Amino acid sequence: MPSSVTSIKAECPRCGAVRLGPPDVIVRVCIDDGAGSYRFRCPSCTTAAVHEASPAICALLRQAGCDEEIWRLPAELGERRVGPAFTADDLIDFHLLLSGDDWESALTGSQRES
């Protein structure tokens, strides 16, 4: 049972070491690959911070009373990739396309009526 005086030391990217209570920390675990992390908002500067965490650290944080958030990898990662790889030239072409007035018709293949 977590103690009501549990204090968790974490690193804010702006302020350095900060002390948090279990309600301030969310443990995140990926159900697909077991990757773990924890997130919090700094009590001093309100910067959002996320840090990777081993399974042992995740277990300790849960035991201390932190809530856990389970998530999955995006389904798109499992999709079969076909066609050529997207290149820097493709990105430039896309940017130029979007800067024109007829970008929507160019993307959908339809023609605007004049």
C-alpha atoms as a PDB file:
ATOM      1  CA  MET A   1       0.000   0.000   0.000  1.00  0.00           C
ATOM      2  CA  PRO A   2       1.543   3.343  -1.004  1.00  0.00           C
ATOM      3  CA  SER A   3       2.346   5.780   1.738  1.00  0.00           C
ATOM      4  CA  SER A   4       0.599   9.156   1.777  1.00  0.00           C
ATOM      5  CA  VAL A   5       4.021  10.797   2.107  1.00  0.00           C
ATOM      6  CA  THR A   6       5.547   9.087  -0.960  1.00  0.00           C
ATOM      7  CA  SER A   7       7.770  11.494  -2.841  1.00  0.00           C
ATOM      8  CA  ILE A   8       9.046  10.813  -6.348  1.00  0.00           C
ATOM      9  CA  LYS A   9      12.175  12.555  -7.582  1.00  0.00           C
ATOM     10  CA  ALA A  10      12.149  13.302 -11.321  1.00  0.00           C
ATOM     11  CA  GLU A  11      13.985  15.548 -13.771  1.00  0.00           C
ATOM     12  CA  CYS A  12      12.289  18.524 -15.372  1.00  0.00           C
ATOM     13  CA  PRO A  13      14.079  19.530 -18.600  1.00  0.00           C
ATOM     14  CA  ARG A  14      13.986  23.195 -17.484  1.00  0.00           C
ATOM     15  CA  CYS A  15      14.173  23.125 -13.671  1.00  0.00           C
ATOM     16  CA  GLY A  16      16.246  20.014 -12.985  1.00  0.00           C
ATOM     17  CA  ALA A  17      15.324  17.758 -10.057  1.00  0.00           C
ATOM     18  CA  VAL A  18      11.756  18.135  -8.763  1.00  0.00           C
ATOM     19  CA  ARG A  19       9.688  16.276  -6.169  1.00  0.00           C
ATOM     20  CA  LEU A  20       6.280  14.900  -7.133  1.00  0.00           C
ATOM     21  CA  GLY A  21       3.525  12.925  -5.497  1.00  0.00           C
ATOM     22  CA  PRO A  22       2.064   9.746  -7.034  1.00  0.00           C
ATOM     23  CA  PRO A  23      -1.009  11.600  -8.413  1.00  0.00           C
ATOM     24  CA  ASP A  24       1.364  13.834 -10.416  1.00  0.00           C
ATOM     25  CA  VAL A  25       2.993  10.966 -12.342  1.00  0.00           C
ATOM     26  CA  ILE A  26       1.464   8.741 -15.032  1.00  0.00           C
ATOM     27  CA  VAL A  27       3.210   5.479 -15.924  1.00  0.00           C
ATOM     28  CA  ARG A  28       2.846   4.552 -19.606  1.00  0.00           C
ATOM     29  CA  VAL A  29       3.337   0.974 -20.835  1.00  0.00           C
ATOM     30  CA  CYS A  30       3.079  -0.202 -24.439  1.00  0.00           C
ATOM     31  CA  ILE A  31       1.114  -3.457 -24.534  1.00  0.00           C
ATOM     32  CA  ASP A  32       2.741  -4.458 -27.852  1.00  0.00           C
ATOM     33  CA  ASP A  33       6.443  -4.229 -26.993  1.00  0.00           C
ATOM     34  CA  GLY A  34       6.537  -3.619 -23.222  1.00  0.00           C
ATOM     35  CA  ALA A  35       8.272  -0.223 -23.570  1.00  0.00           C
ATOM     36  CA  GLY A  36       7.731   1.906 -20.495  1.00  0.00           C
ATOM     37  CA  SER A  37       7.873   5.576 -19.651  1.00  0.00           C
ATOM     38  CA  TYR A  38       6.435   8.055 -17.184  1.00  0.00           C
ATOM     39  CA  ARG A  39       5.115  11.554 -17.671  1.00  0.00           C
ATOM     40  CA  PHE A  40       4.409  14.527 -15.460  1.00  0.00           C
ATOM     41  CA  ARG A  41       4.005  18.290 -15.536  1.00  0.00           C
ATOM     42  CA  CYS A  42       6.647  20.201 -13.577  1.00  0.00           C
ATOM     43  CA  PRO A  43       5.128  21.753 -10.449  1.00  0.00           C
ATOM     44  CA  SER A  44       7.392  24.816 -10.827  1.00  0.00           C
ATOM     45  CA  CYS A  45       7.326  25.739 -14.516  1.00  0.00           C
ATOM     46  CA  THR A  46       4.445  23.504 -15.800  1.00  0.00           C
ATOM     47  CA  THR A  47       6.637  22.031 -18.558  1.00  0.00           C
ATOM     48  CA  ALA A  48       5.437  18.591 -19.656  1.00  0.00           C
ATOM     49  CA  ALA A  49       8.143  15.947 -19.284  1.00  0.00           C
ATOM     50  CA  VAL A  50       8.365  12.330 -20.426  1.00  0.00           C
ATOM     51  CA  HIS A  51      11.148   9.908 -19.518  1.00  0.00           C
ATOM     52  CA  GLU A  52      11.779   6.322 -20.598  1.00  0.00           C
ATOM     53  CA  ALA A  53      11.580   3.806 -17.766  1.00  0.00           C
ATOM     54  CA  SER A  54      12.564   0.175 -17.351  1.00  0.00           C
ATOM     55  CA  PRO A  55       9.948  -2.394 -16.347  1.00  0.00           C
ATOM     56  CA  ALA A  56      11.386  -2.303 -12.798  1.00  0.00           C
ATOM     57  CA  ILE A  57      10.973   1.494 -12.531  1.00  0.00           C
ATOM     58  CA  CYS A  58       7.429   1.256 -13.931  1.00  0.00           C
ATOM     59  CA  ALA A  59       6.599  -1.375 -11.297  1.00  0.00           C
ATOM     60  CA  LEU A  60       8.034   0.807  -8.505  1.00  0.00           C
ATOM     61  CA  LEU A  61       6.019   3.816  -9.659  1.00  0.00           C
ATOM     62  CA  ARG A  62       2.822   1.729  -9.788  1.00  0.00           C
ATOM     63  CA  GLN A  63       3.551   0.393  -6.289  1.00  0.00           C
ATOM     64  CA  ALA A  64       4.006   3.977  -5.102  1.00  0.00           C
ATOM     65  CA  GLY A  65       0.462   4.713  -6.285  1.00  0.00           C
ATOM     66  CA  CYS A  66       0.982   6.273  -9.723  1.00  0.00           C
ATOM     67  CA  ASP A  67      -1.755   5.689 -12.278  1.00  0.00           C
ATOM     68  CA  GLU A  68      -0.941   3.551 -15.295  1.00  0.00           C
ATOM     69  CA  GLU A  69      -1.824   4.238 -18.904  1.00  0.00           C
ATOM     70  CA  ILE A  70      -1.708   1.297 -21.334  1.00  0.00           C
ATOM     71  CA  TRP A  71      -1.242   2.097 -25.018  1.00  0.00           C
ATOM     72  CA  ARG A  72      -0.695   0.291 -28.318  1.00  0.00           C
ATOM     73  CA  LEU A  73       1.633   0.911 -31.234  1.00  0.00           C
ATOM     74  CA  PRO A  74      -0.143   2.493 -34.227  1.00  0.00           C
ATOM     75  CA  ALA A  75      -1.616  -0.091 -36.601  1.00  0.00           C
ATOM     76  CA  GLU A  76       0.140   1.665 -39.491  1.00  0.00           C
ATOM     77  CA  LEU A  77       3.471   0.255 -38.279  1.00  0.00           C
ATOM     78  CA  GLY A  78       2.265  -3.200 -39.285  1.00  0.00           C
ATOM     79  CA  GLU A  79       1.081  -2.195 -42.749  1.00  0.00           C
ATOM     80  CA  ARG A  80       2.893  -3.513 -45.771  1.00  0.00           C
ATOM     81  CA  ARG A  81       4.823  -0.743 -47.475  1.00  0.00           C
ATOM     82  CA  VAL A  82       4.623  -0.559 -51.251  1.00  0.00           C
ATOM     83  CA  GLY A  83       6.049   1.884 -53.747  1.00  0.00           C
ATOM     84  CA  PRO A  84       9.160   3.983 -53.644  1.00  0.00           C
ATOM     85  CA  ALA A  85      10.387   5.627 -50.471  1.00  0.00           C
ATOM     86  CA  PHE A  86       9.326   9.230 -49.798  1.00  0.00           C
ATOM     87  CA  THR A  87      12.315  11.499 -50.509  1.00  0.00           C
ATOM     88  CA  ALA A  88      13.329  15.073 -49.719  1.00  0.00           C
ATOM     89  CA  ASP A  89      12.484  15.964 -53.341  1.00  0.00           C
ATOM     90  CA  ASP A  90       8.981  14.555 -52.828  1.00  0.00           C
ATOM     91  CA  LEU A  91       8.593  16.767 -49.762  1.00  0.00           C
ATOM     92  CA  ILE A  92       9.656  19.865 -51.703  1.00  0.00           C
ATOM     93  CA  ASP A  93       7.254  18.984 -54.539  1.00  0.00           C
ATOM     94  CA  PHE A  94       4.426  18.533 -52.030  1.00  0.00           C
ATOM     95  CA  HIS A  95       5.218  21.880 -50.388  1.00  0.00           C
ATOM     96  CA  LEU A  96       5.155  23.616 -53.772  1.00  0.00           C
ATOM     97  CA  LEU A  97       1.868  21.905 -54.633  1.00  0.00           C
ATOM     98  CA  LEU A  98       0.261  23.126 -51.397  1.00  0.00           C
ATOM     99  CA  SER A  99       1.397  26.702 -52.041  1.00  0.00           C
ATOM    100  CA  GLY A 100      -0.750  26.875 -55.200  1.00  0.00           C
ATOM    101  CA  ASP A 101      -4.446  27.758 -55.365  1.00  0.00           C
ATOM    102  CA  ASP A 102      -5.412  24.481 -57.043  1.00  0.00           C
ATOM    103  CA  TRP A 103      -3.767  22.111 -54.549  1.00  0.00           C
ATOM    104  CA  GLU A 104      -7.013  20.339 -53.664  1.00  0.00           C
ATOM    105  CA  SER A 105      -7.889  19.442 -57.241  1.00  0.00           C
ATOM    106  CA  ALA A 106      -4.284  18.456 -57.910  1.00  0.00           C
ATOM    107  CA  LEU A 107      -4.379  16.007 -54.970  1.00  0.00           C
ATOM    108  CA  THR A 108      -7.805  14.563 -55.772  1.00  0.00           C
ATOM    109  CA  GLY A 109      -7.249  14.507 -59.525  1.00  0.00           C
ATOM    110  CA  SER A 110     -10.376  16.537 -60.166  1.00  0.00           C
ATOM    111  CA  GLN A 111     -10.578  19.728 -62.196  1.00  0.00           C
ATOM    112  CA  ARG A 112     -12.219  22.927 -60.982  1.00  0.00           C
ATOM    113  CA  GLU A 113     -14.868  24.412 -63.187  1.00  0.00           C
ATOM    114  CA  SER A 114     -13.923  27.865 -64.417  1.00  0.00           C
END
